[in-house]
Amino acid sequence: MPIRDKAIGWKRRRIFLHPIDFASQWLEDGTSYVMTGQGAGTPVFAALGVAASELVGIAIGAAGDEVYAFLPIPWDLDPDYPVWARIWFTHDSTDADTPDWRVDFKLIKKQIAISDAKSSPDLTLTFAAKAVSTTSGALEVLQWEKGSLTFDEDDLAMMIAVECNGLGGADADEIKFMGLELAYTVRATVDVRETTKPTPEDDDTNPIAS
């Protein structure tokens, strides 16, 4: 019998989506492969302001720039608990700018046309404007925001849109998006997956459907 005591402190799992996970399309420019985003503003990869870091992020050129990612629903996600998210980025300026962000989630069903995550989101998380460090090139990590998703039996994946809603005084390309971190509660005692079988189970259904 599964444990149903809601007072138990269930384990929380984290997923980190890197900038490369938001590369909607790769195009060849003749000498190398570059990323062209498909969201508003078509933001692109760019080197961080601190050249010695040898890192790149997705440059935010204007308010409203957005990037998209596709994520299969984790099979151990507990739908009775909220989904959490927070945004990582850098800021190449000494100004105390105050950018604000939003993240939209859209659940995707099998054999149903995929729609824009922002046109009819199943969940929107907003991140209030927050003054960044005045140290140029500093890493910024926003506080967690949470919300609930209502899953149907035929939901298999989700589209995620991340938008810098406002630059808060920052100039074009000063902000480099470094990733989105997600967290969810693990449903550890329901729908246990068999690990001794030689092949995976038929998972062509909602992975968290009871």
N, C-alpha and C. Protein backbone atom coordinates (compact mmCIF):
# COMPACT_ATOMS: atom_id res chain seq x y z
N MET A 1 0.84 -1.19 0.00
CA MET A 1 0.00 0.00 0.00
C MET A 1 0.88 1.25 0.00
N PRO A 2 0.54 2.26 -0.81
CA PRO A 2 1.33 3.49 -0.81
C PRO A 2 1.13 4.28 0.46
N ILE A 3 2.15 5.00 0.87
CA ILE A 3 2.06 5.87 2.03
C ILE A 3 1.28 7.13 1.64
N ARG A 4 0.29 7.51 2.43
CA ARG A 4 -0.55 8.66 2.09
C ARG A 4 -0.49 9.77 3.14
N ASP A 5 0.46 9.69 4.03
CA ASP A 5 0.60 10.70 5.08
C ASP A 5 1.20 11.97 4.50
N LYS A 6 0.39 13.04 4.36
CA LYS A 6 0.87 14.28 3.76
C LYS A 6 1.81 15.05 4.67
N ALA A 7 1.94 14.62 5.93
CA ALA A 7 2.84 15.32 6.84
C ALA A 7 4.29 14.87 6.66
N ILE A 8 4.49 13.83 5.87
CA ILE A 8 5.85 13.34 5.63
C ILE A 8 6.61 14.34 4.76
N GLY A 9 7.87 14.58 5.10
CA GLY A 9 8.69 15.50 4.32
C GLY A 9 9.24 14.81 3.08
N TRP A 10 8.52 14.93 1.96
CA TRP A 10 8.94 14.25 0.75
C TRP A 10 10.19 14.88 0.16
N LYS A 11 10.93 14.10 -0.57
CA LYS A 11 12.14 14.57 -1.23
C LYS A 11 11.78 15.52 -2.38
N ARG A 12 12.58 16.57 -2.54
CA ARG A 12 12.40 17.49 -3.66
C ARG A 12 13.55 17.29 -4.65
N ARG A 13 13.21 17.24 -5.93
CA ARG A 13 14.22 17.04 -6.97
C ARG A 13 14.36 18.31 -7.80
N ARG A 14 15.58 18.56 -8.28
CA ARG A 14 15.85 19.75 -9.08
C ARG A 14 16.30 19.37 -10.48
N ILE A 15 15.91 20.20 -11.45
CA ILE A 15 16.34 20.08 -12.83
C ILE A 15 16.88 21.44 -13.26
N PHE A 16 18.04 21.45 -13.90
CA PHE A 16 18.60 22.71 -14.38
C PHE A 16 18.62 22.68 -15.91
N LEU A 17 17.94 23.63 -16.53
CA LEU A 17 17.93 23.77 -17.98
C LEU A 17 18.96 24.83 -18.37
N HIS A 18 20.00 24.42 -19.08
CA HIS A 18 21.07 25.32 -19.49
C HIS A 18 20.65 26.13 -20.72
N PRO A 19 21.39 27.19 -21.04
CA PRO A 19 21.06 27.96 -22.25
C PRO A 19 20.94 27.09 -23.50
N ILE A 20 21.79 26.06 -23.61
CA ILE A 20 21.72 25.20 -24.79
C ILE A 20 20.39 24.48 -24.87
N ASP A 21 19.73 24.25 -23.74
CA ASP A 21 18.42 23.59 -23.74
C ASP A 21 17.34 24.49 -24.31
N PHE A 22 17.64 25.78 -24.42
CA PHE A 22 16.68 26.74 -24.97
C PHE A 22 17.02 27.10 -26.42
N ALA A 23 17.96 26.38 -27.02
CA ALA A 23 18.33 26.64 -28.41
C ALA A 23 17.24 26.07 -29.31
N SER A 24 16.30 26.91 -29.71
CA SER A 24 15.18 26.43 -30.50
C SER A 24 15.64 25.91 -31.85
N GLN A 25 16.72 26.45 -32.38
CA GLN A 25 17.18 26.02 -33.70
C GLN A 25 18.66 26.33 -33.86
N TRP A 26 19.37 25.40 -34.47
CA TRP A 26 20.78 25.63 -34.79
C TRP A 26 20.92 25.85 -36.29
N LEU A 27 21.63 26.88 -36.66
CA LEU A 27 21.86 27.20 -38.06
C LEU A 27 23.35 27.26 -38.33
N GLU A 28 23.76 26.85 -39.53
CA GLU A 28 25.17 26.91 -39.90
C GLU A 28 25.42 28.20 -40.68
N ASP A 29 26.41 28.98 -40.24
CA ASP A 29 26.70 30.24 -40.91
C ASP A 29 27.86 30.12 -41.90
N GLY A 30 28.27 28.90 -42.18
CA GLY A 30 29.36 28.68 -43.12
C GLY A 30 30.65 28.25 -42.47
N THR A 31 30.88 28.68 -41.24
CA THR A 31 32.12 28.32 -40.55
C THR A 31 31.86 27.68 -39.20
N SER A 32 30.72 27.96 -38.60
CA SER A 32 30.43 27.41 -37.28
C SER A 32 28.92 27.35 -37.11
N TYR A 33 28.52 26.74 -36.03
CA TYR A 33 27.09 26.63 -35.74
C TYR A 33 26.70 27.69 -34.71
N VAL A 34 25.64 28.41 -35.01
CA VAL A 34 25.19 29.47 -34.12
C VAL A 34 23.74 29.21 -33.75
N MET A 35 23.32 29.77 -32.63
CA MET A 35 21.97 29.58 -32.16
C MET A 35 21.09 30.76 -32.54
N THR A 36 19.97 30.48 -33.18
CA THR A 36 18.98 31.50 -33.47
C THR A 36 17.71 31.14 -32.72
N GLY A 37 17.34 31.93 -31.74
CA GLY A 37 16.14 31.65 -30.97
C GLY A 37 14.88 31.90 -31.78
N GLN A 38 13.81 31.21 -31.44
CA GLN A 38 12.56 31.34 -32.16
C GLN A 38 11.53 32.17 -31.40
N GLY A 39 11.86 32.62 -30.21
CA GLY A 39 10.94 33.45 -29.44
C GLY A 39 11.04 34.90 -29.86
N ALA A 40 10.27 35.74 -29.21
CA ALA A 40 10.27 37.18 -29.51
C ALA A 40 11.68 37.73 -29.36
N GLY A 41 12.09 38.57 -30.31
CA GLY A 41 13.40 39.19 -30.24
C GLY A 41 14.53 38.33 -30.75
N THR A 42 14.26 37.04 -31.00
CA THR A 42 15.28 36.07 -31.45
C THR A 42 16.62 36.28 -30.75
N PRO A 43 16.67 36.18 -29.41
CA PRO A 43 17.94 36.34 -28.68
C PRO A 43 18.94 35.28 -29.10
N VAL A 44 20.22 35.62 -29.02
CA VAL A 44 21.28 34.73 -29.50
C VAL A 44 22.33 34.51 -28.41
N PHE A 45 23.16 33.49 -28.61
CA PHE A 45 24.27 33.23 -27.70
C PHE A 45 25.28 34.37 -27.78
N ALA A 46 25.88 34.70 -26.63
CA ALA A 46 26.91 35.73 -26.59
C ALA A 46 27.84 35.44 -25.43
N ALA A 47 29.10 35.84 -25.56
CA ALA A 47 30.08 35.66 -24.50
C ALA A 47 29.72 36.53 -23.30
N LEU A 48 30.01 36.05 -22.11
CA LEU A 48 29.79 36.85 -20.90
C LEU A 48 30.75 38.04 -20.90
N GLY A 49 30.37 39.07 -20.14
CA GLY A 49 31.19 40.28 -20.08
C GLY A 49 32.57 40.04 -19.52
N VAL A 50 32.69 39.07 -18.63
CA VAL A 50 34.00 38.71 -18.08
C VAL A 50 34.61 37.69 -19.03
N ALA A 51 35.47 38.16 -19.92
CA ALA A 51 35.98 37.31 -21.00
C ALA A 51 36.73 36.10 -20.46
N ALA A 52 37.40 36.27 -19.33
CA ALA A 52 38.21 35.17 -18.79
C ALA A 52 37.35 34.00 -18.33
N SER A 53 36.04 34.20 -18.23
CA SER A 53 35.17 33.11 -17.79
C SER A 53 35.04 32.03 -18.86
N GLU A 54 35.27 32.41 -20.12
CA GLU A 54 35.15 31.48 -21.25
C GLU A 54 33.75 30.87 -21.33
N LEU A 55 32.75 31.59 -20.85
CA LEU A 55 31.37 31.09 -20.86
C LEU A 55 30.50 31.95 -21.77
N VAL A 56 29.40 31.35 -22.21
CA VAL A 56 28.42 32.09 -23.00
C VAL A 56 27.04 31.93 -22.36
N GLY A 57 26.18 32.90 -22.61
CA GLY A 57 24.79 32.84 -22.19
C GLY A 57 23.94 33.34 -23.34
N ILE A 58 22.68 33.51 -23.10
CA ILE A 58 21.78 34.05 -24.12
C ILE A 58 21.58 35.53 -23.82
N ALA A 59 22.04 36.37 -24.73
CA ALA A 59 21.99 37.82 -24.53
C ALA A 59 20.56 38.33 -24.67
N ILE A 60 20.14 39.15 -23.71
CA ILE A 60 18.82 39.76 -23.74
C ILE A 60 18.96 41.15 -24.36
N GLY A 61 18.47 41.29 -25.57
CA GLY A 61 18.66 42.54 -26.29
C GLY A 61 17.62 43.59 -26.00
N ALA A 62 16.43 43.17 -25.58
CA ALA A 62 15.35 44.13 -25.34
C ALA A 62 14.29 43.51 -24.44
N ALA A 63 13.51 44.35 -23.80
CA ALA A 63 12.39 43.86 -22.99
C ALA A 63 11.46 43.05 -23.88
N GLY A 64 11.03 41.91 -23.37
CA GLY A 64 10.17 41.03 -24.15
C GLY A 64 10.89 39.90 -24.84
N ASP A 65 12.24 39.91 -24.84
CA ASP A 65 12.97 38.79 -25.41
C ASP A 65 12.60 37.50 -24.68
N GLU A 66 12.43 36.44 -25.44
CA GLU A 66 12.00 35.18 -24.82
C GLU A 66 12.68 33.99 -25.49
N VAL A 67 12.83 32.93 -24.72
CA VAL A 67 13.39 31.68 -25.23
C VAL A 67 12.49 30.54 -24.77
N TYR A 68 12.55 29.43 -25.50
CA TYR A 68 11.65 28.30 -25.25
C TYR A 68 12.44 27.01 -25.03
N ALA A 69 11.86 26.13 -24.22
CA ALA A 69 12.44 24.80 -24.01
C ALA A 69 11.31 23.78 -24.00
N PHE A 70 11.68 22.54 -24.27
CA PHE A 70 10.75 21.41 -24.28
C PHE A 70 11.21 20.42 -23.23
N LEU A 71 10.29 19.97 -22.37
CA LEU A 71 10.67 19.07 -21.27
C LEU A 71 9.61 17.99 -21.08
N PRO A 72 9.98 16.70 -21.25
CA PRO A 72 9.05 15.63 -20.90
C PRO A 72 8.69 15.71 -19.41
N ILE A 73 7.47 15.39 -19.06
CA ILE A 73 7.06 15.44 -17.66
C ILE A 73 7.84 14.37 -16.88
N PRO A 74 8.55 14.75 -15.82
CA PRO A 74 9.28 13.75 -15.03
C PRO A 74 8.33 12.70 -14.48
N TRP A 75 8.68 11.43 -14.64
CA TRP A 75 7.75 10.37 -14.25
C TRP A 75 7.52 10.31 -12.74
N ASP A 76 8.47 10.90 -11.94
CA ASP A 76 8.31 10.82 -10.49
C ASP A 76 7.77 12.13 -9.90
N LEU A 77 7.27 13.04 -10.74
CA LEU A 77 6.72 14.31 -10.25
C LEU A 77 5.40 14.06 -9.54
N ASP A 78 5.24 14.64 -8.36
CA ASP A 78 3.99 14.52 -7.61
C ASP A 78 3.08 15.69 -7.97
N PRO A 79 1.97 15.46 -8.69
CA PRO A 79 1.11 16.55 -9.15
C PRO A 79 0.34 17.23 -8.03
N ASP A 80 0.36 16.67 -6.83
CA ASP A 80 -0.36 17.28 -5.71
C ASP A 80 0.41 18.43 -5.08
N TYR A 81 1.64 18.65 -5.53
CA TYR A 81 2.47 19.70 -4.94
C TYR A 81 2.91 20.69 -6.02
N PRO A 82 3.26 21.91 -5.63
CA PRO A 82 3.62 22.94 -6.61
C PRO A 82 4.91 22.61 -7.36
N VAL A 83 5.04 23.25 -8.51
CA VAL A 83 6.29 23.28 -9.27
C VAL A 83 6.98 24.59 -8.94
N TRP A 84 8.29 24.53 -8.70
CA TRP A 84 9.07 25.71 -8.35
C TRP A 84 10.01 26.08 -9.50
N ALA A 85 10.35 27.35 -9.60
CA ALA A 85 11.28 27.78 -10.64
C ALA A 85 12.06 29.00 -10.17
N ARG A 86 13.29 29.14 -10.67
CA ARG A 86 14.05 30.35 -10.46
C ARG A 86 15.01 30.53 -11.64
N ILE A 87 15.39 31.78 -11.90
CA ILE A 87 16.16 32.13 -13.08
C ILE A 87 17.58 32.52 -12.69
N TRP A 88 18.55 32.07 -13.49
CA TRP A 88 19.96 32.41 -13.31
C TRP A 88 20.38 33.30 -14.48
N PHE A 89 21.10 34.37 -14.20
CA PHE A 89 21.60 35.24 -15.26
C PHE A 89 22.79 36.04 -14.77
N THR A 90 23.52 36.66 -15.69
CA THR A 90 24.60 37.57 -15.31
C THR A 90 24.24 38.97 -15.81
N HIS A 91 24.97 39.98 -15.26
CA HIS A 91 24.67 41.38 -15.58
C HIS A 91 25.99 42.11 -15.76
N ASP A 92 26.25 42.53 -17.01
CA ASP A 92 27.54 43.14 -17.35
C ASP A 92 27.48 44.66 -17.23
N SER A 93 27.33 45.15 -16.00
CA SER A 93 27.28 46.59 -15.76
C SER A 93 27.47 46.83 -14.27
N THR A 94 27.84 48.04 -13.91
CA THR A 94 27.95 48.42 -12.50
C THR A 94 26.70 49.16 -12.03
N ASP A 95 25.67 49.24 -12.86
CA ASP A 95 24.42 49.89 -12.48
C ASP A 95 23.53 48.92 -11.71
N ALA A 96 22.79 49.45 -10.75
CA ALA A 96 21.85 48.62 -9.98
C ALA A 96 20.53 48.52 -10.74
N ASP A 97 20.59 47.90 -11.92
CA ASP A 97 19.39 47.75 -12.74
C ASP A 97 18.41 46.77 -12.10
N THR A 98 17.15 46.83 -12.54
CA THR A 98 16.10 46.04 -11.89
C THR A 98 15.27 45.27 -12.93
N PRO A 99 15.85 44.28 -13.59
CA PRO A 99 15.08 43.50 -14.57
C PRO A 99 14.02 42.64 -13.88
N ASP A 100 12.95 42.38 -14.61
CA ASP A 100 11.94 41.44 -14.10
C ASP A 100 11.65 40.39 -15.17
N TRP A 101 11.22 39.22 -14.72
CA TRP A 101 11.10 38.05 -15.58
C TRP A 101 9.74 37.37 -15.40
N ARG A 102 9.41 36.51 -16.34
CA ARG A 102 8.25 35.63 -16.21
C ARG A 102 8.56 34.29 -16.87
N VAL A 103 7.92 33.24 -16.37
CA VAL A 103 8.07 31.91 -16.95
C VAL A 103 6.67 31.33 -17.17
N ASP A 104 6.41 30.87 -18.39
CA ASP A 104 5.12 30.28 -18.74
C ASP A 104 5.29 28.80 -19.03
N PHE A 105 4.36 28.00 -18.53
CA PHE A 105 4.35 26.56 -18.76
C PHE A 105 3.10 26.18 -19.56
N LYS A 106 3.26 25.35 -20.56
CA LYS A 106 2.14 24.83 -21.35
C LYS A 106 2.26 23.33 -21.46
N LEU A 107 1.26 22.59 -20.96
CA LEU A 107 1.28 21.13 -21.04
C LEU A 107 0.94 20.68 -22.46
N ILE A 108 1.59 19.59 -22.88
CA ILE A 108 1.46 19.10 -24.25
C ILE A 108 0.92 17.67 -24.23
N LYS A 109 -0.09 17.42 -25.06
CA LYS A 109 -0.69 16.10 -25.15
C LYS A 109 -0.22 15.39 -26.42
N LYS A 110 -0.30 14.08 -26.41
CA LYS A 110 0.03 13.29 -27.59
C LYS A 110 -1.01 13.52 -28.69
N GLN A 111 -0.54 13.68 -29.92
CA GLN A 111 -1.36 13.81 -31.12
C GLN A 111 -2.27 15.03 -31.09
N ILE A 112 -1.86 16.04 -30.32
CA ILE A 112 -2.56 17.32 -30.29
C ILE A 112 -1.55 18.39 -30.70
N ALA A 113 -1.97 19.31 -31.56
CA ALA A 113 -1.06 20.35 -32.03
C ALA A 113 -0.46 21.13 -30.87
N ILE A 114 0.84 21.35 -30.92
CA ILE A 114 1.54 22.11 -29.89
C ILE A 114 1.23 23.59 -30.06
N SER A 115 0.87 24.25 -28.97
CA SER A 115 0.56 25.68 -29.03
C SER A 115 1.58 26.48 -28.25
N ASP A 116 1.60 27.77 -28.50
CA ASP A 116 2.55 28.67 -27.86
C ASP A 116 2.33 28.68 -26.35
N ALA A 117 3.41 28.55 -25.61
CA ALA A 117 3.30 28.51 -24.15
C ALA A 117 2.74 29.81 -23.58
N LYS A 118 2.97 30.93 -24.27
CA LYS A 118 2.53 32.22 -23.75
C LYS A 118 1.13 32.60 -24.19
N SER A 119 0.62 32.00 -25.27
CA SER A 119 -0.70 32.37 -25.75
C SER A 119 -1.82 31.82 -24.87
N SER A 120 -1.59 30.65 -24.30
CA SER A 120 -2.59 30.05 -23.41
C SER A 120 -1.88 29.20 -22.36
N PRO A 121 -1.11 29.84 -21.47
CA PRO A 121 -0.31 29.08 -20.49
C PRO A 121 -1.18 28.34 -19.47
N ASP A 122 -0.67 27.20 -19.05
CA ASP A 122 -1.31 26.47 -17.95
C ASP A 122 -0.82 26.98 -16.60
N LEU A 123 0.31 27.66 -16.60
CA LEU A 123 0.85 28.26 -15.38
C LEU A 123 1.81 29.38 -15.77
N THR A 124 1.69 30.52 -15.11
CA THR A 124 2.61 31.63 -15.29
C THR A 124 3.21 32.01 -13.95
N LEU A 125 4.53 32.06 -13.89
CA LEU A 125 5.23 32.53 -12.69
C LEU A 125 5.88 33.86 -13.01
N THR A 126 5.66 34.84 -12.17
CA THR A 126 6.26 36.16 -12.38
C THR A 126 7.29 36.43 -11.29
N PHE A 127 8.38 37.07 -11.71
CA PHE A 127 9.49 37.38 -10.81
C PHE A 127 9.59 38.90 -10.73
N ALA A 128 9.34 39.45 -9.55
CA ALA A 128 9.33 40.89 -9.36
C ALA A 128 10.69 41.51 -9.65
N ALA A 129 10.67 42.76 -10.09
CA ALA A 129 11.91 43.49 -10.35
C ALA A 129 12.77 43.51 -9.10
N LYS A 130 14.05 43.24 -9.26
CA LYS A 130 14.99 43.16 -8.15
C LYS A 130 16.31 43.78 -8.56
N ALA A 131 16.82 44.68 -7.75
CA ALA A 131 18.09 45.33 -8.06
C ALA A 131 19.22 44.30 -8.08
N VAL A 132 20.02 44.33 -9.12
CA VAL A 132 21.13 43.40 -9.25
C VAL A 132 22.37 43.97 -8.58
N SER A 133 23.39 43.15 -8.49
CA SER A 133 24.67 43.58 -7.92
C SER A 133 25.28 44.67 -8.80
N THR A 134 26.02 45.57 -8.18
CA THR A 134 26.72 46.61 -8.93
C THR A 134 28.13 46.15 -9.33
N THR A 135 28.41 44.88 -9.14
CA THR A 135 29.66 44.29 -9.63
C THR A 135 29.43 43.75 -11.03
N SER A 136 30.11 44.31 -12.00
CA SER A 136 29.89 43.91 -13.38
C SER A 136 30.28 42.44 -13.58
N GLY A 137 29.42 41.73 -14.27
CA GLY A 137 29.68 40.32 -14.55
C GLY A 137 29.24 39.39 -13.44
N ALA A 138 28.59 39.91 -12.40
CA ALA A 138 28.19 39.08 -11.27
C ALA A 138 27.05 38.14 -11.65
N LEU A 139 27.06 36.97 -11.05
CA LEU A 139 25.97 36.01 -11.24
C LEU A 139 24.79 36.40 -10.38
N GLU A 140 23.59 36.36 -10.97
CA GLU A 140 22.36 36.66 -10.24
C GLU A 140 21.49 35.41 -10.24
N VAL A 141 20.92 35.09 -9.09
CA VAL A 141 20.00 33.96 -8.96
C VAL A 141 18.76 34.46 -8.24
N LEU A 142 17.63 34.42 -8.92
CA LEU A 142 16.40 34.94 -8.34
C LEU A 142 15.85 34.00 -7.27
N GLN A 143 14.97 34.53 -6.44
CA GLN A 143 14.31 33.70 -5.44
C GLN A 143 13.30 32.78 -6.12
N TRP A 144 13.05 31.66 -5.49
CA TRP A 144 12.10 30.68 -6.03
C TRP A 144 10.69 31.26 -6.09
N GLU A 145 9.98 30.94 -7.17
CA GLU A 145 8.55 31.19 -7.27
C GLU A 145 7.88 29.84 -7.53
N LYS A 146 6.64 29.69 -7.09
CA LYS A 146 5.97 28.40 -7.24
C LYS A 146 4.55 28.57 -7.76
N GLY A 147 4.03 27.49 -8.33
CA GLY A 147 2.66 27.47 -8.80
C GLY A 147 2.26 26.03 -9.07
N SER A 148 0.97 25.80 -9.27
CA SER A 148 0.46 24.45 -9.46
C SER A 148 0.04 24.22 -10.91
N LEU A 149 0.34 23.04 -11.40
CA LEU A 149 -0.09 22.59 -12.73
C LEU A 149 -1.14 21.50 -12.56
N THR A 150 -2.19 21.56 -13.36
CA THR A 150 -3.22 20.53 -13.34
C THR A 150 -3.01 19.62 -14.54
N PHE A 151 -2.64 18.39 -14.27
CA PHE A 151 -2.30 17.45 -15.33
C PHE A 151 -3.50 16.60 -15.73
N ASP A 152 -3.67 16.40 -17.05
CA ASP A 152 -4.64 15.44 -17.57
C ASP A 152 -3.94 14.12 -17.83
N GLU A 153 -4.72 13.08 -18.02
CA GLU A 153 -4.14 11.76 -18.21
C GLU A 153 -3.29 11.66 -19.46
N ASP A 154 -3.58 12.49 -20.47
CA ASP A 154 -2.83 12.38 -21.73
C ASP A 154 -1.77 13.46 -21.90
N ASP A 155 -1.44 14.18 -20.83
CA ASP A 155 -0.32 15.13 -20.89
C ASP A 155 1.00 14.35 -20.82
N LEU A 156 1.91 14.66 -21.75
CA LEU A 156 3.18 13.94 -21.81
C LEU A 156 4.40 14.82 -21.60
N ALA A 157 4.27 16.10 -21.93
CA ALA A 157 5.43 16.99 -21.87
C ALA A 157 4.95 18.40 -21.59
N MET A 158 5.90 19.32 -21.49
CA MET A 158 5.55 20.71 -21.31
C MET A 158 6.49 21.61 -22.10
N MET A 159 5.93 22.69 -22.60
CA MET A 159 6.74 23.73 -23.22
C MET A 159 6.94 24.82 -22.18
N ILE A 160 8.15 25.36 -22.12
CA ILE A 160 8.49 26.37 -21.13
C ILE A 160 9.02 27.61 -21.84
N ALA A 161 8.42 28.75 -21.58
CA ALA A 161 8.87 30.02 -22.15
C ALA A 161 9.41 30.90 -21.04
N VAL A 162 10.63 31.40 -21.22
CA VAL A 162 11.24 32.32 -20.27
C VAL A 162 11.36 33.68 -20.95
N GLU A 163 10.83 34.70 -20.32
CA GLU A 163 10.85 36.05 -20.90
C GLU A 163 11.43 37.05 -19.92
N CYS A 164 12.35 37.88 -20.40
CA CYS A 164 12.78 39.04 -19.62
C CYS A 164 11.76 40.13 -19.91
N ASN A 165 10.83 40.31 -19.00
CA ASN A 165 9.69 41.19 -19.22
C ASN A 165 10.09 42.66 -19.27
N GLY A 166 11.13 43.01 -18.51
CA GLY A 166 11.61 44.38 -18.50
C GLY A 166 13.08 44.43 -18.13
N LEU A 167 13.85 45.27 -18.81
CA LEU A 167 15.29 45.35 -18.54
C LEU A 167 15.61 46.12 -17.27
N GLY A 168 14.69 46.92 -16.80
CA GLY A 168 14.91 47.66 -15.56
C GLY A 168 16.09 48.61 -15.61
N GLY A 169 16.31 49.22 -16.78
CA GLY A 169 17.41 50.17 -16.92
C GLY A 169 18.65 49.59 -17.58
N ALA A 170 18.73 48.29 -17.72
CA ALA A 170 19.90 47.67 -18.35
C ALA A 170 19.93 47.96 -19.84
N ASP A 171 21.13 48.10 -20.39
CA ASP A 171 21.28 48.29 -21.83
C ASP A 171 21.14 46.95 -22.55
N ALA A 172 20.97 47.03 -23.86
CA ALA A 172 20.85 45.82 -24.67
C ALA A 172 22.07 44.93 -24.50
N ASP A 173 21.83 43.64 -24.30
CA ASP A 173 22.85 42.59 -24.22
C ASP A 173 23.68 42.63 -22.94
N GLU A 174 23.36 43.50 -21.99
CA GLU A 174 24.07 43.47 -20.70
C GLU A 174 23.67 42.25 -19.89
N ILE A 175 22.43 41.80 -20.04
CA ILE A 175 21.94 40.64 -19.30
C ILE A 175 22.13 39.40 -20.14
N LYS A 176 22.74 38.38 -19.54
CA LYS A 176 22.94 37.09 -20.20
C LYS A 176 22.19 36.02 -19.41
N PHE A 177 21.20 35.43 -20.04
CA PHE A 177 20.42 34.35 -19.42
C PHE A 177 21.29 33.10 -19.32
N MET A 178 21.42 32.55 -18.10
CA MET A 178 22.30 31.41 -17.87
C MET A 178 21.56 30.10 -17.59
N GLY A 179 20.24 30.19 -17.41
CA GLY A 179 19.51 28.94 -17.21
C GLY A 179 18.30 29.09 -16.32
N LEU A 180 17.48 28.05 -16.35
CA LEU A 180 16.28 27.98 -15.52
C LEU A 180 16.37 26.75 -14.64
N GLU A 181 16.18 26.94 -13.36
CA GLU A 181 16.19 25.83 -12.41
C GLU A 181 14.75 25.51 -11.99
N LEU A 182 14.40 24.24 -12.07
CA LEU A 182 13.07 23.78 -11.68
C LEU A 182 13.20 22.83 -10.49
N ALA A 183 12.17 22.80 -9.67
CA ALA A 183 12.14 21.87 -8.54
C ALA A 183 10.72 21.33 -8.39
N TYR A 184 10.64 20.08 -7.98
CA TYR A 184 9.33 19.47 -7.76
C TYR A 184 9.45 18.42 -6.67
N THR A 185 8.31 18.06 -6.10
CA THR A 185 8.27 17.03 -5.07
C THR A 185 8.18 15.66 -5.72
N VAL A 186 8.99 14.74 -5.23
CA VAL A 186 9.03 13.39 -5.77
C VAL A 186 7.88 12.55 -5.20
N ARG A 187 7.14 11.92 -6.11
CA ARG A 187 6.09 10.99 -5.68
C ARG A 187 6.72 9.60 -5.60
N ALA A 188 7.33 9.32 -4.47
CA ALA A 188 8.20 8.16 -4.38
C ALA A 188 7.49 6.84 -4.14
N THR A 189 6.23 6.87 -3.70
CA THR A 189 5.60 5.62 -3.29
C THR A 189 4.40 5.23 -4.14
N VAL A 190 4.19 5.94 -5.27
CA VAL A 190 3.08 5.62 -6.16
C VAL A 190 3.63 5.38 -7.55
N ASP A 191 3.02 4.44 -8.28
CA ASP A 191 3.43 4.15 -9.66
C ASP A 191 4.93 3.81 -9.71
N VAL A 192 5.35 2.93 -8.82
CA VAL A 192 6.76 2.54 -8.77
C VAL A 192 7.17 1.87 -10.07
N ARG A 193 8.32 2.23 -10.63
CA ARG A 193 8.76 1.68 -11.89
C ARG A 193 9.63 0.44 -11.68
N GLU A 194 9.36 -0.57 -12.42
CA GLU A 194 10.12 -1.81 -12.35
C GLU A 194 11.51 -1.60 -12.94
N THR A 195 12.54 -1.94 -12.19
CA THR A 195 13.92 -1.74 -12.65
C THR A 195 14.61 -3.05 -13.01
N THR A 196 13.93 -4.19 -12.83
CA THR A 196 14.58 -5.47 -13.11
C THR A 196 14.24 -6.00 -14.50
N LYS A 197 13.33 -5.31 -15.22
CA LYS A 197 12.98 -5.76 -16.56
C LYS A 197 14.09 -5.39 -17.55
N PRO A 198 14.30 -6.20 -18.59
CA PRO A 198 15.37 -5.92 -19.54
C PRO A 198 15.10 -4.70 -20.42
N THR A 199 13.83 -4.32 -20.58
CA THR A 199 13.49 -3.16 -21.40
C THR A 199 12.57 -2.23 -20.61
N PRO A 200 12.53 -0.94 -20.97
CA PRO A 200 11.64 -0.02 -20.26
C PRO A 200 10.18 -0.38 -20.45
N GLU A 201 9.36 0.11 -19.53
CA GLU A 201 7.92 -0.11 -19.66
C GLU A 201 7.37 0.76 -20.78
N ASP A 202 6.16 0.45 -21.18
CA ASP A 202 5.48 1.28 -22.18
C ASP A 202 5.05 2.58 -21.52
N ASP A 203 5.82 3.65 -21.77
CA ASP A 203 5.56 4.92 -21.13
C ASP A 203 4.90 5.90 -22.08
N ASP A 204 4.14 5.39 -23.04
CA ASP A 204 3.48 6.25 -24.01
C ASP A 204 2.16 6.78 -23.45
N THR A 205 2.16 7.05 -22.17
CA THR A 205 1.01 7.63 -21.47
C THR A 205 1.53 8.65 -20.49
N ASN A 206 0.64 9.35 -19.84
CA ASN A 206 1.04 10.33 -18.84
C ASN A 206 1.91 9.65 -17.79
N PRO A 207 3.16 10.09 -17.59
CA PRO A 207 4.06 9.40 -16.67
C PRO A 207 3.66 9.53 -15.21
N ILE A 208 2.80 10.49 -14.88
CA ILE A 208 2.42 10.66 -13.47
C ILE A 208 0.96 10.31 -13.24
N ALA A 209 0.29 9.74 -14.25
CA ALA A 209 -1.10 9.34 -14.07
C ALA A 209 -1.17 8.18 -13.10
N SER A 210 -2.09 8.25 -12.18
CA SER A 210 -2.20 7.18 -11.19
C SER A 210 -3.04 6.03 -11.73
